[in-house]
Amino acid sequence: MFPFVASATEIILDTEHHHLGDDFKEDLNPDYPEGLIYIANFALDPSVGIESAELTLTGRSIVPGPTDEFSDKVYLNGIEIGSLNDYVPAKTPDSVEVNITIPVHPSLFNPRNNTLKISAGSNDNGSNYDDFEFYNLSFRLSETESVTLEPPLKVAWTYELPWKLGYEIPPEVTLAADGFFTLLERTLEKLLL
């Protein structure tokens, strides 16, 4: 028996409204841009194992994707995890709020300190930037608890090899005993040598 326990956790990074870009836009909150880059730092408990993760936010006035220009990139610890534009349906009006969920591979998180960065994309010559609003920025994590094996362990299955080896080995190979694959591993090592 392999008991498995998982719990969902939400890390709320920022609920405030932010405006990235380079121009006044009356329909956005706030109407003046805060700059071209937003950075949020957060810490994780190093003892927590992350099975899966998603970055969630609500955005408005993001240029719909796919787009080569005005690509609003999102980075976790310096690695690009996506572009906000790719999560906005084509022909979405500027005034419509869009809930965005970007899947994040668990290996991109650091055990302690982490940095999330969102940047406003520019046109080809870098003279104009996408002005957009976002808020309710958070991570949804599915955490894994350590798996414990409950004795007594039993053989799950066996397999008789279709060939004969040049040395003595039982015709059946035990794949798991006491949580280890020792006999199978030793057999494979000998075969590969």
N, C-alpha and C. Protein backbone atom coordinates (compact mmCIF):
# COMPACT_ATOMS: atom_id res chain seq x y z
N MET A 1 0.85 -1.17 0.00
CA MET A 1 0.00 0.00 0.00
C MET A 1 0.90 1.24 0.00
N PHE A 2 0.58 2.20 -0.85
CA PHE A 2 1.36 3.43 -0.95
C PHE A 2 0.46 4.63 -0.65
N PRO A 3 0.31 5.00 0.63
CA PRO A 3 -0.56 6.14 0.94
C PRO A 3 0.03 7.43 0.38
N PHE A 4 -0.84 8.29 -0.13
CA PHE A 4 -0.41 9.53 -0.74
C PHE A 4 -1.34 10.63 -0.26
N VAL A 5 -0.75 11.72 0.25
CA VAL A 5 -1.55 12.83 0.75
C VAL A 5 -1.14 14.08 0.00
N ALA A 6 -2.08 14.85 -0.51
CA ALA A 6 -1.78 16.09 -1.21
C ALA A 6 -2.70 17.18 -0.68
N SER A 7 -2.22 18.41 -0.69
CA SER A 7 -3.04 19.53 -0.28
C SER A 7 -2.79 20.70 -1.22
N ALA A 8 -3.82 21.49 -1.46
CA ALA A 8 -3.69 22.65 -2.35
C ALA A 8 -3.35 23.88 -1.52
N THR A 9 -2.46 24.70 -2.04
CA THR A 9 -2.04 25.91 -1.36
C THR A 9 -2.06 27.06 -2.35
N GLU A 10 -2.42 28.23 -1.86
CA GLU A 10 -2.37 29.43 -2.70
C GLU A 10 -1.42 30.43 -2.07
N ILE A 11 -0.51 30.93 -2.86
CA ILE A 11 0.41 31.98 -2.43
C ILE A 11 -0.06 33.26 -3.09
N ILE A 12 -0.65 34.16 -2.33
CA ILE A 12 -1.13 35.43 -2.87
C ILE A 12 0.04 36.40 -2.89
N LEU A 13 0.48 36.77 -4.10
CA LEU A 13 1.61 37.67 -4.24
C LEU A 13 1.19 39.13 -4.16
N ASP A 14 0.08 39.47 -4.82
CA ASP A 14 -0.31 40.88 -4.91
C ASP A 14 -1.76 40.97 -5.39
N THR A 15 -2.61 41.66 -4.63
CA THR A 15 -4.01 41.84 -5.04
C THR A 15 -4.23 43.21 -5.68
N GLU A 16 -3.25 44.11 -5.57
CA GLU A 16 -3.38 45.47 -6.08
C GLU A 16 -3.39 45.51 -7.61
N HIS A 17 -3.97 46.57 -8.15
CA HIS A 17 -3.98 46.80 -9.60
C HIS A 17 -2.67 47.43 -10.02
N HIS A 18 -2.11 46.94 -11.13
CA HIS A 18 -0.84 47.47 -11.66
C HIS A 18 -1.01 47.75 -13.14
N HIS A 19 -0.35 48.81 -13.59
CA HIS A 19 -0.37 49.22 -15.00
C HIS A 19 1.07 49.23 -15.49
N LEU A 20 1.39 48.29 -16.38
CA LEU A 20 2.71 48.28 -17.01
C LEU A 20 2.59 48.90 -18.39
N GLY A 21 3.65 49.54 -18.83
CA GLY A 21 3.68 50.16 -20.14
C GLY A 21 4.39 51.49 -20.09
N ASP A 22 4.13 52.33 -21.11
CA ASP A 22 4.85 53.60 -21.21
C ASP A 22 3.95 54.79 -21.52
N ASP A 23 2.61 54.60 -21.36
CA ASP A 23 1.71 55.68 -21.76
C ASP A 23 0.53 55.78 -20.80
N PHE A 24 -0.01 56.99 -20.68
CA PHE A 24 -1.23 57.23 -19.94
C PHE A 24 -2.37 56.50 -20.65
N LYS A 25 -3.19 55.79 -19.89
CA LYS A 25 -4.34 55.11 -20.48
C LYS A 25 -5.49 55.23 -19.49
N GLU A 26 -6.43 56.09 -19.82
CA GLU A 26 -7.52 56.44 -18.91
C GLU A 26 -8.36 55.25 -18.46
N ASP A 27 -8.48 54.24 -19.32
CA ASP A 27 -9.32 53.09 -18.99
C ASP A 27 -8.67 52.11 -18.02
N LEU A 28 -7.38 52.28 -17.75
CA LEU A 28 -6.68 51.35 -16.87
C LEU A 28 -6.62 51.88 -15.45
N ASN A 29 -6.43 50.98 -14.50
CA ASN A 29 -6.33 51.33 -13.10
C ASN A 29 -4.99 50.80 -12.58
N PRO A 30 -4.05 51.67 -12.26
CA PRO A 30 -4.05 53.13 -12.38
C PRO A 30 -3.88 53.56 -13.84
N ASP A 31 -4.24 54.81 -14.12
CA ASP A 31 -4.17 55.25 -15.51
C ASP A 31 -2.75 55.59 -15.97
N TYR A 32 -1.86 55.95 -15.02
CA TYR A 32 -0.46 56.18 -15.39
C TYR A 32 0.35 54.90 -15.17
N PRO A 33 1.25 54.58 -16.08
CA PRO A 33 2.04 53.35 -15.93
C PRO A 33 3.03 53.42 -14.77
N GLU A 34 3.28 52.27 -14.16
CA GLU A 34 4.24 52.16 -13.06
C GLU A 34 5.64 51.85 -13.58
N GLY A 35 5.77 51.61 -14.87
CA GLY A 35 7.04 51.24 -15.46
C GLY A 35 6.85 50.09 -16.43
N LEU A 36 7.95 49.53 -16.88
CA LEU A 36 7.91 48.46 -17.88
C LEU A 36 8.04 47.08 -17.26
N ILE A 37 8.47 47.03 -15.99
CA ILE A 37 8.72 45.75 -15.33
C ILE A 37 8.10 45.73 -13.94
N TYR A 38 7.47 44.61 -13.61
CA TYR A 38 6.93 44.38 -12.27
C TYR A 38 7.71 43.21 -11.68
N ILE A 39 8.14 43.35 -10.42
CA ILE A 39 8.87 42.28 -9.74
C ILE A 39 8.22 41.99 -8.39
N ALA A 40 8.02 40.70 -8.11
CA ALA A 40 7.52 40.26 -6.81
C ALA A 40 8.46 39.19 -6.28
N ASN A 41 8.89 39.36 -5.04
CA ASN A 41 9.73 38.37 -4.38
C ASN A 41 8.89 37.62 -3.35
N PHE A 42 9.12 36.32 -3.25
CA PHE A 42 8.39 35.51 -2.27
C PHE A 42 9.27 34.35 -1.84
N ALA A 43 8.95 33.79 -0.69
CA ALA A 43 9.73 32.67 -0.15
C ALA A 43 8.84 31.45 -0.01
N LEU A 44 9.45 30.30 -0.22
CA LEU A 44 8.77 29.03 -0.03
C LEU A 44 9.41 28.26 1.10
N ASP A 45 8.62 27.46 1.78
CA ASP A 45 9.15 26.56 2.81
C ASP A 45 9.95 25.47 2.09
N PRO A 46 11.25 25.35 2.38
CA PRO A 46 12.06 24.37 1.66
C PRO A 46 11.66 22.92 1.90
N SER A 47 10.87 22.66 2.94
CA SER A 47 10.48 21.28 3.23
C SER A 47 9.26 20.84 2.41
N VAL A 48 8.64 21.78 1.69
CA VAL A 48 7.43 21.46 0.94
C VAL A 48 7.79 20.98 -0.46
N GLY A 49 7.24 19.85 -0.85
CA GLY A 49 7.42 19.35 -2.21
C GLY A 49 6.27 19.83 -3.07
N ILE A 50 6.58 20.35 -4.26
CA ILE A 50 5.54 20.87 -5.15
C ILE A 50 5.32 19.86 -6.28
N GLU A 51 4.10 19.39 -6.39
CA GLU A 51 3.76 18.44 -7.46
C GLU A 51 3.39 19.18 -8.74
N SER A 52 2.60 20.25 -8.63
CA SER A 52 2.22 21.05 -9.79
C SER A 52 1.96 22.48 -9.32
N ALA A 53 2.04 23.42 -10.28
CA ALA A 53 1.85 24.82 -9.93
C ALA A 53 1.26 25.58 -11.11
N GLU A 54 0.53 26.65 -10.78
CA GLU A 54 -0.04 27.55 -11.77
C GLU A 54 0.09 28.98 -11.27
N LEU A 55 0.43 29.88 -12.17
CA LEU A 55 0.39 31.31 -11.88
C LEU A 55 -0.96 31.83 -12.36
N THR A 56 -1.68 32.54 -11.51
CA THR A 56 -2.98 33.08 -11.90
C THR A 56 -2.99 34.58 -11.71
N LEU A 57 -3.71 35.27 -12.58
CA LEU A 57 -3.90 36.71 -12.47
C LEU A 57 -5.08 37.12 -13.34
N THR A 58 -5.57 38.32 -13.10
CA THR A 58 -6.60 38.90 -13.96
C THR A 58 -5.96 40.05 -14.69
N GLY A 59 -6.15 40.10 -16.02
CA GLY A 59 -5.54 41.14 -16.83
C GLY A 59 -6.56 41.84 -17.70
N ARG A 60 -6.17 43.03 -18.14
CA ARG A 60 -7.04 43.81 -19.02
C ARG A 60 -6.18 44.61 -19.97
N SER A 61 -6.62 44.74 -21.20
CA SER A 61 -5.96 45.52 -22.25
C SER A 61 -4.63 44.91 -22.69
N ILE A 62 -4.50 43.59 -22.54
CA ILE A 62 -3.30 42.88 -23.01
C ILE A 62 -3.51 42.56 -24.49
N VAL A 63 -2.51 42.83 -25.31
CA VAL A 63 -2.61 42.53 -26.74
C VAL A 63 -2.80 41.01 -26.89
N PRO A 64 -3.89 40.59 -27.57
CA PRO A 64 -4.11 39.14 -27.73
C PRO A 64 -3.00 38.48 -28.54
N GLY A 65 -2.70 37.24 -28.20
CA GLY A 65 -1.68 36.49 -28.91
C GLY A 65 -2.30 35.59 -29.96
N PRO A 66 -1.50 34.94 -30.75
CA PRO A 66 -0.03 35.05 -30.72
C PRO A 66 0.43 36.35 -31.37
N THR A 67 1.51 36.90 -30.83
CA THR A 67 2.04 38.14 -31.35
C THR A 67 3.55 38.16 -31.20
N ASP A 68 4.24 38.64 -32.22
CA ASP A 68 5.69 38.81 -32.12
C ASP A 68 6.02 40.13 -31.44
N GLU A 69 5.16 41.12 -31.69
CA GLU A 69 5.34 42.42 -31.05
C GLU A 69 4.50 42.46 -29.77
N PHE A 70 4.86 43.32 -28.88
CA PHE A 70 4.11 43.53 -27.63
C PHE A 70 3.92 42.24 -26.84
N SER A 71 4.93 41.40 -26.81
CA SER A 71 4.86 40.14 -26.08
C SER A 71 5.20 40.39 -24.61
N ASP A 72 4.20 40.28 -23.76
CA ASP A 72 4.32 40.57 -22.33
C ASP A 72 4.78 39.30 -21.61
N LYS A 73 6.07 39.20 -21.37
CA LYS A 73 6.69 37.98 -20.85
C LYS A 73 6.60 37.89 -19.33
N VAL A 74 6.53 36.64 -18.85
CA VAL A 74 6.51 36.35 -17.42
C VAL A 74 7.67 35.41 -17.12
N TYR A 75 8.45 35.74 -16.07
CA TYR A 75 9.63 34.97 -15.71
C TYR A 75 9.55 34.55 -14.25
N LEU A 76 10.00 33.33 -13.98
CA LEU A 76 10.16 32.86 -12.60
C LEU A 76 11.64 32.54 -12.41
N ASN A 77 12.27 33.23 -11.51
CA ASN A 77 13.70 33.05 -11.21
C ASN A 77 14.56 33.14 -12.48
N GLY A 78 14.21 34.12 -13.33
CA GLY A 78 14.99 34.40 -14.53
C GLY A 78 14.67 33.51 -15.72
N ILE A 79 13.74 32.57 -15.58
CA ILE A 79 13.39 31.66 -16.68
C ILE A 79 11.98 32.01 -17.16
N GLU A 80 11.84 32.20 -18.48
CA GLU A 80 10.54 32.55 -19.03
C GLU A 80 9.56 31.39 -18.87
N ILE A 81 8.39 31.69 -18.28
CA ILE A 81 7.37 30.66 -18.11
C ILE A 81 6.19 30.87 -19.06
N GLY A 82 6.16 32.01 -19.75
CA GLY A 82 5.07 32.24 -20.69
C GLY A 82 4.93 33.70 -21.06
N SER A 83 4.00 33.93 -21.95
CA SER A 83 3.65 35.28 -22.39
C SER A 83 2.18 35.49 -22.08
N LEU A 84 1.84 36.59 -21.41
CA LEU A 84 0.44 36.84 -21.08
C LEU A 84 -0.43 36.85 -22.33
N ASN A 85 0.13 37.34 -23.43
CA ASN A 85 -0.62 37.47 -24.68
C ASN A 85 -1.19 36.13 -25.15
N ASP A 86 -0.45 35.06 -24.91
CA ASP A 86 -0.88 33.73 -25.38
C ASP A 86 -2.13 33.23 -24.66
N TYR A 87 -2.51 33.88 -23.56
CA TYR A 87 -3.66 33.45 -22.78
C TYR A 87 -4.86 34.38 -22.93
N VAL A 88 -4.75 35.31 -23.89
CA VAL A 88 -5.85 36.23 -24.17
C VAL A 88 -6.43 35.86 -25.54
N PRO A 89 -7.70 35.49 -25.58
CA PRO A 89 -8.31 35.10 -26.86
C PRO A 89 -8.25 36.23 -27.89
N ALA A 90 -8.13 35.84 -29.16
CA ALA A 90 -8.11 36.82 -30.25
C ALA A 90 -9.36 37.69 -30.21
N LYS A 91 -9.20 38.92 -30.60
CA LYS A 91 -10.29 39.91 -30.69
C LYS A 91 -10.94 40.23 -29.34
N THR A 92 -10.21 40.01 -28.24
CA THR A 92 -10.73 40.40 -26.93
C THR A 92 -10.65 41.92 -26.81
N PRO A 93 -11.77 42.61 -26.54
CA PRO A 93 -11.73 44.07 -26.41
C PRO A 93 -10.87 44.49 -25.21
N ASP A 94 -10.26 45.68 -25.30
CA ASP A 94 -9.40 46.20 -24.24
C ASP A 94 -10.11 46.27 -22.90
N SER A 95 -11.41 46.54 -22.91
CA SER A 95 -12.14 46.75 -21.66
C SER A 95 -12.51 45.45 -20.94
N VAL A 96 -12.32 44.30 -21.59
CA VAL A 96 -12.73 43.02 -21.01
C VAL A 96 -11.61 42.44 -20.15
N GLU A 97 -11.95 42.07 -18.92
CA GLU A 97 -10.99 41.42 -18.03
C GLU A 97 -10.87 39.95 -18.39
N VAL A 98 -9.65 39.44 -18.34
CA VAL A 98 -9.39 38.05 -18.69
C VAL A 98 -8.67 37.38 -17.52
N ASN A 99 -9.19 36.24 -17.08
CA ASN A 99 -8.51 35.45 -16.06
C ASN A 99 -7.47 34.58 -16.76
N ILE A 100 -6.23 34.71 -16.33
CA ILE A 100 -5.11 34.02 -16.97
C ILE A 100 -4.53 33.00 -16.00
N THR A 101 -4.28 31.80 -16.50
CA THR A 101 -3.64 30.74 -15.72
C THR A 101 -2.48 30.20 -16.54
N ILE A 102 -1.27 30.33 -16.02
CA ILE A 102 -0.07 29.85 -16.70
C ILE A 102 0.50 28.68 -15.90
N PRO A 103 0.59 27.49 -16.51
CA PRO A 103 1.20 26.36 -15.79
C PRO A 103 2.69 26.60 -15.58
N VAL A 104 3.19 26.19 -14.42
CA VAL A 104 4.59 26.40 -14.06
C VAL A 104 5.18 25.06 -13.64
N HIS A 105 6.31 24.69 -14.23
CA HIS A 105 6.95 23.42 -13.86
C HIS A 105 7.53 23.55 -12.44
N PRO A 106 7.27 22.58 -11.56
CA PRO A 106 7.74 22.67 -10.17
C PRO A 106 9.25 22.85 -10.02
N SER A 107 10.03 22.37 -10.98
CA SER A 107 11.48 22.47 -10.86
C SER A 107 11.99 23.91 -10.98
N LEU A 108 11.13 24.84 -11.42
CA LEU A 108 11.56 26.24 -11.58
C LEU A 108 11.55 27.01 -10.26
N PHE A 109 10.94 26.44 -9.23
CA PHE A 109 10.90 27.10 -7.93
C PHE A 109 12.19 26.83 -7.17
N ASN A 110 12.68 27.83 -6.47
CA ASN A 110 13.81 27.65 -5.56
C ASN A 110 13.27 27.20 -4.21
N PRO A 111 14.07 26.46 -3.43
CA PRO A 111 13.58 25.98 -2.13
C PRO A 111 13.25 27.10 -1.15
N ARG A 112 13.83 28.27 -1.32
CA ARG A 112 13.56 29.37 -0.40
C ARG A 112 13.08 30.62 -1.15
N ASN A 113 14.01 31.48 -1.57
CA ASN A 113 13.67 32.76 -2.18
C ASN A 113 13.43 32.63 -3.68
N ASN A 114 12.36 33.28 -4.13
CA ASN A 114 11.95 33.23 -5.53
C ASN A 114 11.60 34.63 -6.02
N THR A 115 11.74 34.85 -7.33
CA THR A 115 11.42 36.14 -7.94
C THR A 115 10.54 35.93 -9.16
N LEU A 116 9.40 36.61 -9.18
CA LEU A 116 8.52 36.62 -10.34
C LEU A 116 8.67 37.97 -11.02
N LYS A 117 8.80 37.96 -12.35
CA LYS A 117 8.94 39.21 -13.10
C LYS A 117 7.96 39.20 -14.26
N ILE A 118 7.26 40.32 -14.46
CA ILE A 118 6.37 40.51 -15.60
C ILE A 118 6.87 41.75 -16.33
N SER A 119 7.01 41.65 -17.66
CA SER A 119 7.51 42.79 -18.43
C SER A 119 6.54 43.15 -19.54
N ALA A 120 6.44 44.45 -19.82
CA ALA A 120 5.62 44.94 -20.92
C ALA A 120 6.40 44.77 -22.21
N GLY A 121 5.77 44.16 -23.21
CA GLY A 121 6.43 43.96 -24.50
C GLY A 121 6.42 45.22 -25.34
N SER A 122 7.39 45.30 -26.24
CA SER A 122 7.50 46.49 -27.10
C SER A 122 7.28 46.13 -28.55
N ASN A 123 7.14 47.18 -29.38
CA ASN A 123 7.08 46.95 -30.82
C ASN A 123 8.49 46.65 -31.32
N ASP A 124 8.63 46.40 -32.62
CA ASP A 124 9.92 45.97 -33.18
C ASP A 124 11.07 46.93 -32.89
N ASN A 125 10.82 48.24 -32.96
CA ASN A 125 11.92 49.19 -32.75
C ASN A 125 12.04 49.67 -31.30
N GLY A 126 11.21 49.11 -30.41
CA GLY A 126 11.30 49.45 -28.98
C GLY A 126 10.87 50.86 -28.65
N SER A 127 10.06 51.47 -29.51
CA SER A 127 9.63 52.85 -29.26
C SER A 127 8.26 52.92 -28.62
N ASN A 128 7.54 51.81 -28.56
CA ASN A 128 6.20 51.80 -28.00
C ASN A 128 5.99 50.48 -27.26
N TYR A 129 5.34 50.55 -26.09
CA TYR A 129 5.15 49.37 -25.25
C TYR A 129 3.67 49.10 -25.03
N ASP A 130 3.36 47.83 -24.80
CA ASP A 130 1.99 47.42 -24.50
C ASP A 130 1.62 47.97 -23.13
N ASP A 131 0.53 48.70 -23.06
CA ASP A 131 0.02 49.20 -21.79
C ASP A 131 -1.13 48.29 -21.36
N PHE A 132 -0.96 47.64 -20.21
CA PHE A 132 -1.99 46.72 -19.74
C PHE A 132 -2.06 46.78 -18.22
N GLU A 133 -3.14 46.23 -17.71
CA GLU A 133 -3.41 46.20 -16.27
C GLU A 133 -3.48 44.75 -15.81
N PHE A 134 -3.02 44.50 -14.60
CA PHE A 134 -3.21 43.17 -14.01
C PHE A 134 -3.37 43.31 -12.50
N TYR A 135 -3.99 42.31 -11.89
CA TYR A 135 -4.18 42.27 -10.44
C TYR A 135 -4.51 40.84 -10.02
N ASN A 136 -4.66 40.62 -8.71
CA ASN A 136 -4.92 39.29 -8.14
C ASN A 136 -3.88 38.27 -8.60
N LEU A 137 -2.64 38.62 -8.39
CA LEU A 137 -1.51 37.79 -8.80
C LEU A 137 -1.23 36.75 -7.71
N SER A 138 -1.27 35.46 -8.08
CA SER A 138 -1.02 34.42 -7.09
C SER A 138 -0.54 33.13 -7.76
N PHE A 139 0.02 32.26 -6.94
CA PHE A 139 0.40 30.92 -7.36
C PHE A 139 -0.53 29.93 -6.69
N ARG A 140 -1.01 28.94 -7.43
CA ARG A 140 -1.74 27.81 -6.87
C ARG A 140 -0.81 26.62 -6.93
N LEU A 141 -0.53 26.05 -5.78
CA LEU A 141 0.40 24.92 -5.70
C LEU A 141 -0.33 23.68 -5.22
N SER A 142 0.03 22.57 -5.81
CA SER A 142 -0.41 21.28 -5.31
C SER A 142 0.81 20.68 -4.64
N GLU A 143 0.75 20.55 -3.33
CA GLU A 143 1.90 20.07 -2.57
C GLU A 143 1.81 18.58 -2.34
N THR A 144 2.96 17.94 -2.32
CA THR A 144 3.00 16.51 -2.02
C THR A 144 3.59 16.31 -0.64
N GLU A 145 3.00 15.42 0.07
CA GLU A 145 3.56 15.01 1.36
C GLU A 145 4.47 13.83 1.09
N SER A 146 5.37 13.57 1.98
CA SER A 146 6.25 12.43 1.77
C SER A 146 5.44 11.14 1.75
N VAL A 147 5.83 10.27 0.87
CA VAL A 147 5.16 8.98 0.73
C VAL A 147 5.78 8.00 1.71
N THR A 148 4.94 7.29 2.43
CA THR A 148 5.45 6.30 3.36
C THR A 148 5.00 4.91 2.91
N LEU A 149 5.89 3.97 3.04
CA LEU A 149 5.59 2.59 2.70
C LEU A 149 5.19 1.87 3.98
N GLU A 150 4.12 1.14 3.93
CA GLU A 150 3.64 0.44 5.11
C GLU A 150 3.97 -1.04 5.01
N PRO A 151 4.79 -1.54 5.91
CA PRO A 151 5.11 -2.97 5.88
C PRO A 151 3.89 -3.79 6.29
N PRO A 152 3.82 -5.03 5.96
CA PRO A 152 4.81 -5.76 5.17
C PRO A 152 4.58 -5.52 3.68
N LEU A 153 5.67 -5.36 2.96
CA LEU A 153 5.58 -5.20 1.52
C LEU A 153 5.49 -6.56 0.87
N LYS A 154 4.78 -6.62 -0.22
CA LYS A 154 4.60 -7.88 -0.94
C LYS A 154 5.07 -7.71 -2.38
N VAL A 155 5.36 -8.81 -3.02
CA VAL A 155 5.75 -8.78 -4.43
C VAL A 155 4.53 -8.35 -5.23
N ALA A 156 4.70 -7.30 -6.04
CA ALA A 156 3.60 -6.80 -6.85
C ALA A 156 3.39 -7.66 -8.08
N TRP A 157 4.47 -8.01 -8.76
CA TRP A 157 4.39 -8.89 -9.92
C TRP A 157 5.78 -9.41 -10.25
N THR A 158 5.82 -10.48 -11.03
CA THR A 158 7.10 -11.05 -11.46
C THR A 158 7.05 -11.26 -12.96
N TYR A 159 8.23 -11.45 -13.54
CA TYR A 159 8.32 -11.66 -14.97
C TYR A 159 9.45 -12.63 -15.26
N GLU A 160 9.15 -13.65 -16.04
CA GLU A 160 10.18 -14.62 -16.41
C GLU A 160 10.86 -14.11 -17.67
N LEU A 161 12.18 -13.94 -17.59
CA LEU A 161 12.93 -13.43 -18.73
C LEU A 161 12.87 -14.43 -19.88
N PRO A 162 12.72 -13.92 -21.12
CA PRO A 162 12.59 -14.83 -22.27
C PRO A 162 13.93 -15.38 -22.74
N TRP A 163 15.03 -15.11 -22.08
CA TRP A 163 16.33 -15.62 -22.45
C TRP A 163 17.04 -16.18 -21.24
N LYS A 164 18.07 -16.96 -21.48
CA LYS A 164 18.85 -17.54 -20.38
C LYS A 164 20.13 -16.74 -20.23
N LEU A 165 20.53 -16.52 -18.99
CA LEU A 165 21.77 -15.80 -18.71
C LEU A 165 22.90 -16.81 -18.53
N GLY A 166 24.12 -16.35 -18.69
CA GLY A 166 25.28 -17.23 -18.58
C GLY A 166 25.69 -17.51 -17.15
N TYR A 167 24.93 -17.08 -16.17
CA TYR A 167 25.24 -17.34 -14.77
C TYR A 167 23.95 -17.61 -14.04
N GLU A 168 24.09 -18.12 -12.83
CA GLU A 168 22.92 -18.52 -12.06
C GLU A 168 22.11 -17.31 -11.59
N ILE A 169 20.84 -17.35 -11.88
CA ILE A 169 19.91 -16.33 -11.40
C ILE A 169 18.54 -16.99 -11.35
N PRO A 170 17.74 -16.68 -10.38
CA PRO A 170 16.41 -17.28 -10.34
C PRO A 170 15.64 -16.93 -11.61
N PRO A 171 14.77 -17.85 -12.08
CA PRO A 171 14.02 -17.59 -13.31
C PRO A 171 13.05 -16.42 -13.16
N GLU A 172 12.67 -16.08 -11.94
CA GLU A 172 11.79 -14.95 -11.71
C GLU A 172 12.58 -13.83 -11.05
N VAL A 173 12.30 -12.59 -11.41
CA VAL A 173 13.01 -11.44 -10.86
C VAL A 173 12.03 -10.64 -10.02
N THR A 174 12.38 -10.42 -8.76
CA THR A 174 11.55 -9.61 -7.89
C THR A 174 11.80 -8.15 -8.20
N LEU A 175 10.75 -7.40 -8.52
CA LEU A 175 10.92 -5.99 -8.89
C LEU A 175 10.96 -5.07 -7.69
N ALA A 176 10.24 -5.38 -6.64
CA ALA A 176 10.25 -4.50 -5.48
C ALA A 176 10.20 -5.33 -4.22
N ALA A 177 11.11 -5.03 -3.33
CA ALA A 177 11.11 -5.67 -2.02
C ALA A 177 11.65 -4.66 -1.04
N ASP A 178 10.92 -4.42 0.01
CA ASP A 178 11.32 -3.43 1.02
C ASP A 178 11.56 -2.07 0.39
N GLY A 179 10.86 -1.76 -0.68
CA GLY A 179 10.95 -0.44 -1.29
C GLY A 179 12.15 -0.26 -2.21
N PHE A 180 12.91 -1.33 -2.49
CA PHE A 180 14.10 -1.19 -3.32
C PHE A 180 14.02 -2.13 -4.51
N PHE A 181 14.71 -1.75 -5.58
CA PHE A 181 14.74 -2.55 -6.79
C PHE A 181 16.11 -3.22 -6.94
N THR A 182 16.67 -3.70 -5.86
CA THR A 182 18.07 -4.15 -5.85
C THR A 182 18.35 -5.30 -6.79
N LEU A 183 17.56 -6.37 -6.77
CA LEU A 183 17.84 -7.53 -7.60
C LEU A 183 17.74 -7.18 -9.07
N LEU A 184 16.72 -6.45 -9.45
CA LEU A 184 16.56 -6.05 -10.84
C LEU A 184 17.70 -5.13 -11.26
N GLU A 185 18.07 -4.17 -10.40
CA GLU A 185 19.15 -3.26 -10.74
C GLU A 185 20.46 -4.02 -10.97
N ARG A 186 20.78 -4.96 -10.07
CA ARG A 186 22.02 -5.74 -10.23
C ARG A 186 21.98 -6.57 -11.50
N THR A 187 20.85 -7.13 -11.82
CA THR A 187 20.72 -7.92 -13.05
C THR A 187 20.94 -7.05 -14.27
N LEU A 188 20.33 -5.88 -14.29
CA LEU A 188 20.49 -4.98 -15.43
C LEU A 188 21.93 -4.49 -15.55
N GLU A 189 22.57 -4.21 -14.41
CA GLU A 189 23.98 -3.78 -14.46
C GLU A 189 24.85 -4.86 -15.11
N LYS A 190 24.62 -6.11 -14.74
CA LYS A 190 25.41 -7.20 -15.30
C LYS A 190 25.15 -7.35 -16.81
N LEU A 191 23.91 -7.17 -17.20
CA LEU A 191 23.57 -7.29 -18.62
C LEU A 191 24.21 -6.17 -19.45
N LEU A 192 24.29 -4.99 -18.88
CA LEU A 192 24.83 -3.85 -19.61
C LEU A 192 26.35 -3.84 -19.66
N LEU A 193 27.01 -4.58 -18.76
CA LEU A 193 28.47 -4.60 -18.75
C LEU A 193 29.05 -5.46 -19.79
